[in-house]
Amino acid sequence: AQIAEVAGVVPTWLNEGLAQHMEGEPSRGTLASWRRMSERGYWIPFASLEGELIVIDDPEDAGLAYHQSLAMVLLLEQHAGREALREAFSLVAAGEPSDLLARLAPRADGRALIALMNERTSPAGE
């Protein structure tokens, strides 16, 4: 909640994903969502997670959105390093909060997201 006070309007995926990342290891619910998404080859379009998640009516869809947000933060770290998080917040503070993942990690697309979720939910990743 304090990030927006300091940096300005933060994309929801970055705000929520970072909050979950700071909690530690992904929850069982998160891992179950990732497993389901990777099995189905499904992800929520990244642009859909730029704005408010409150408008998602279905609780299961909302859960997937929150869980994918964490995966997107991990994907950003994986493709562009921890420094990319600082750069993301610099861009937010400069009033350029949209398309952060694509700008900071151009190869971090939906397929890469599915690969990350699959890797994290495989028996060796747990």
Protein backbone atom coordinates (compact mmCIF):
# COMPACT_ATOMS: atom_id res chain seq x y z
CA ALA A 1 0.00 0.00 0.00
CA GLN A 2 2.90 2.36 0.66
CA ILE A 3 4.41 1.85 -2.78
CA ALA A 4 1.71 3.93 -4.47
CA GLU A 5 2.34 6.74 -1.96
CA VAL A 6 5.99 6.86 -2.96
CA ALA A 7 5.97 5.86 -6.62
CA GLY A 8 2.55 6.83 -7.93
CA VAL A 9 0.07 4.63 -9.77
CA VAL A 10 1.59 1.16 -9.83
CA PRO A 11 0.30 -1.52 -12.22
CA THR A 12 -1.78 -3.96 -10.21
CA TRP A 13 0.25 -7.00 -11.23
CA LEU A 14 3.44 -5.36 -9.96
CA ASN A 15 1.90 -4.14 -6.72
CA GLU A 16 0.11 -7.39 -5.85
CA GLY A 17 2.85 -9.64 -7.20
CA LEU A 18 5.53 -7.88 -5.19
CA ALA A 19 3.39 -8.02 -2.04
CA GLN A 20 3.05 -11.79 -2.45
CA HIS A 21 6.75 -12.13 -3.27
CA MET A 22 7.63 -10.42 0.00
CA GLU A 23 5.50 -12.95 1.91
CA GLY A 24 7.93 -15.74 1.01
CA GLU A 25 7.32 -18.96 -0.84
CA PRO A 26 4.17 -19.22 -2.98
CA SER A 27 1.14 -20.55 -1.13
CA ARG A 28 -0.47 -23.90 -1.89
CA GLY A 29 -3.33 -22.02 -3.54
CA THR A 30 -0.89 -20.16 -5.77
CA LEU A 31 0.88 -23.36 -6.75
CA ALA A 32 -2.48 -25.01 -7.51
CA SER A 33 -3.44 -22.06 -9.75
CA TRP A 34 -0.09 -22.17 -11.52
CA ARG A 35 -0.41 -25.92 -12.03
CA ARG A 36 -3.90 -25.52 -13.49
CA MET A 37 -2.82 -22.62 -15.73
CA SER A 38 0.28 -24.42 -16.99
CA GLU A 39 -1.64 -27.65 -17.67
CA ARG A 40 -4.18 -25.70 -19.73
CA GLY A 41 -1.64 -23.38 -21.34
CA TYR A 42 -3.74 -20.47 -20.09
CA TRP A 43 -2.72 -17.05 -18.84
CA ILE A 44 -4.54 -13.78 -18.40
CA PRO A 45 -3.39 -11.21 -20.98
CA PHE A 46 -0.77 -9.07 -19.27
CA ALA A 47 -2.50 -5.80 -20.18
CA SER A 48 -5.60 -6.99 -18.29
CA LEU A 49 -3.60 -6.93 -15.06
CA GLU A 50 -2.42 -3.34 -15.43
CA GLY A 51 -5.58 -1.91 -13.84
CA GLU A 52 -7.83 -2.74 -10.91
CA LEU A 53 -8.43 -6.39 -10.06
CA ILE A 54 -11.51 -5.39 -8.08
CA VAL A 55 -13.61 -5.42 -11.26
CA ILE A 56 -13.15 -9.19 -11.64
CA ASP A 57 -16.46 -10.64 -10.48
CA ASP A 58 -15.61 -14.35 -10.37
CA PRO A 59 -13.60 -15.16 -7.20
CA GLU A 60 -11.72 -17.96 -8.98
CA ASP A 61 -10.71 -15.62 -11.80
CA ALA A 62 -9.64 -13.02 -9.24
CA GLY A 63 -7.50 -15.63 -7.50
CA LEU A 64 -5.86 -16.55 -10.79
CA ALA A 65 -5.15 -12.87 -11.45
CA TYR A 66 -3.45 -12.44 -8.07
CA HIS A 67 -1.47 -15.65 -8.49
CA GLN A 68 -0.42 -14.71 -12.01
CA SER A 69 0.70 -11.33 -10.70
CA LEU A 70 3.27 -13.07 -8.50
CA ALA A 71 4.39 -15.18 -11.46
CA MET A 72 4.84 -12.00 -13.51
CA VAL A 73 7.09 -10.47 -10.84
CA LEU A 74 9.14 -13.69 -10.76
CA LEU A 75 9.27 -13.67 -14.56
CA LEU A 76 10.54 -10.09 -14.55
CA GLU A 77 13.26 -11.08 -12.09
CA GLN A 78 14.14 -14.19 -14.08
CA HIS A 79 14.46 -12.34 -17.38
CA ALA A 80 15.86 -9.00 -16.27
CA GLY A 81 17.25 -9.51 -12.75
CA ARG A 82 16.36 -7.96 -9.41
CA GLU A 83 17.50 -4.58 -10.66
CA ALA A 84 14.51 -4.62 -13.02
CA LEU A 85 12.21 -4.13 -10.03
CA ARG A 86 13.99 -0.89 -9.17
CA GLU A 87 13.82 0.18 -12.79
CA ALA A 88 10.10 -0.65 -12.88
CA PHE A 89 9.45 1.66 -9.96
CA SER A 90 11.60 4.37 -11.53
CA LEU A 91 9.41 4.18 -14.63
CA VAL A 92 6.27 4.30 -12.48
CA ALA A 93 7.58 7.35 -10.62
CA ALA A 94 8.36 8.98 -13.99
CA GLY A 95 4.71 8.51 -14.99
CA GLU A 96 5.37 5.62 -17.38
CA PRO A 97 3.66 2.67 -15.64
CA SER A 98 2.23 0.78 -18.62
CA ASP A 99 3.75 -2.23 -20.37
CA LEU A 100 6.54 -2.53 -17.80
CA LEU A 101 7.07 -6.24 -18.27
CA ALA A 102 7.35 -5.93 -22.05
CA ARG A 103 9.67 -2.93 -21.79
CA LEU A 104 11.99 -4.37 -19.15
CA ALA A 105 11.97 -8.00 -20.27
CA PRO A 106 10.89 -8.20 -23.93
CA ARG A 107 11.18 -11.99 -24.09
CA ALA A 108 8.97 -12.44 -21.01
CA ASP A 109 5.79 -13.40 -22.81
CA GLY A 110 2.89 -15.74 -22.09
CA ARG A 111 4.85 -18.83 -23.07
CA ALA A 112 7.67 -17.86 -20.76
CA LEU A 113 5.11 -17.31 -17.99
CA ILE A 114 3.63 -20.79 -18.51
CA ALA A 115 7.15 -22.27 -18.50
CA LEU A 116 7.93 -20.53 -15.19
CA MET A 117 4.68 -21.74 -13.59
CA ASN A 118 5.29 -25.26 -14.89
CA GLU A 119 8.84 -25.24 -13.54
CA ARG A 120 7.71 -23.96 -10.14
CA THR A 121 4.98 -26.59 -9.82
CA SER A 122 6.95 -29.61 -11.04
CA PRO A 123 7.96 -32.05 -8.29
CA ALA A 124 11.58 -30.82 -8.50
CA GLY A 125 10.40 -27.15 -8.22
CA GLU A 126 8.33 -27.64 -5.09
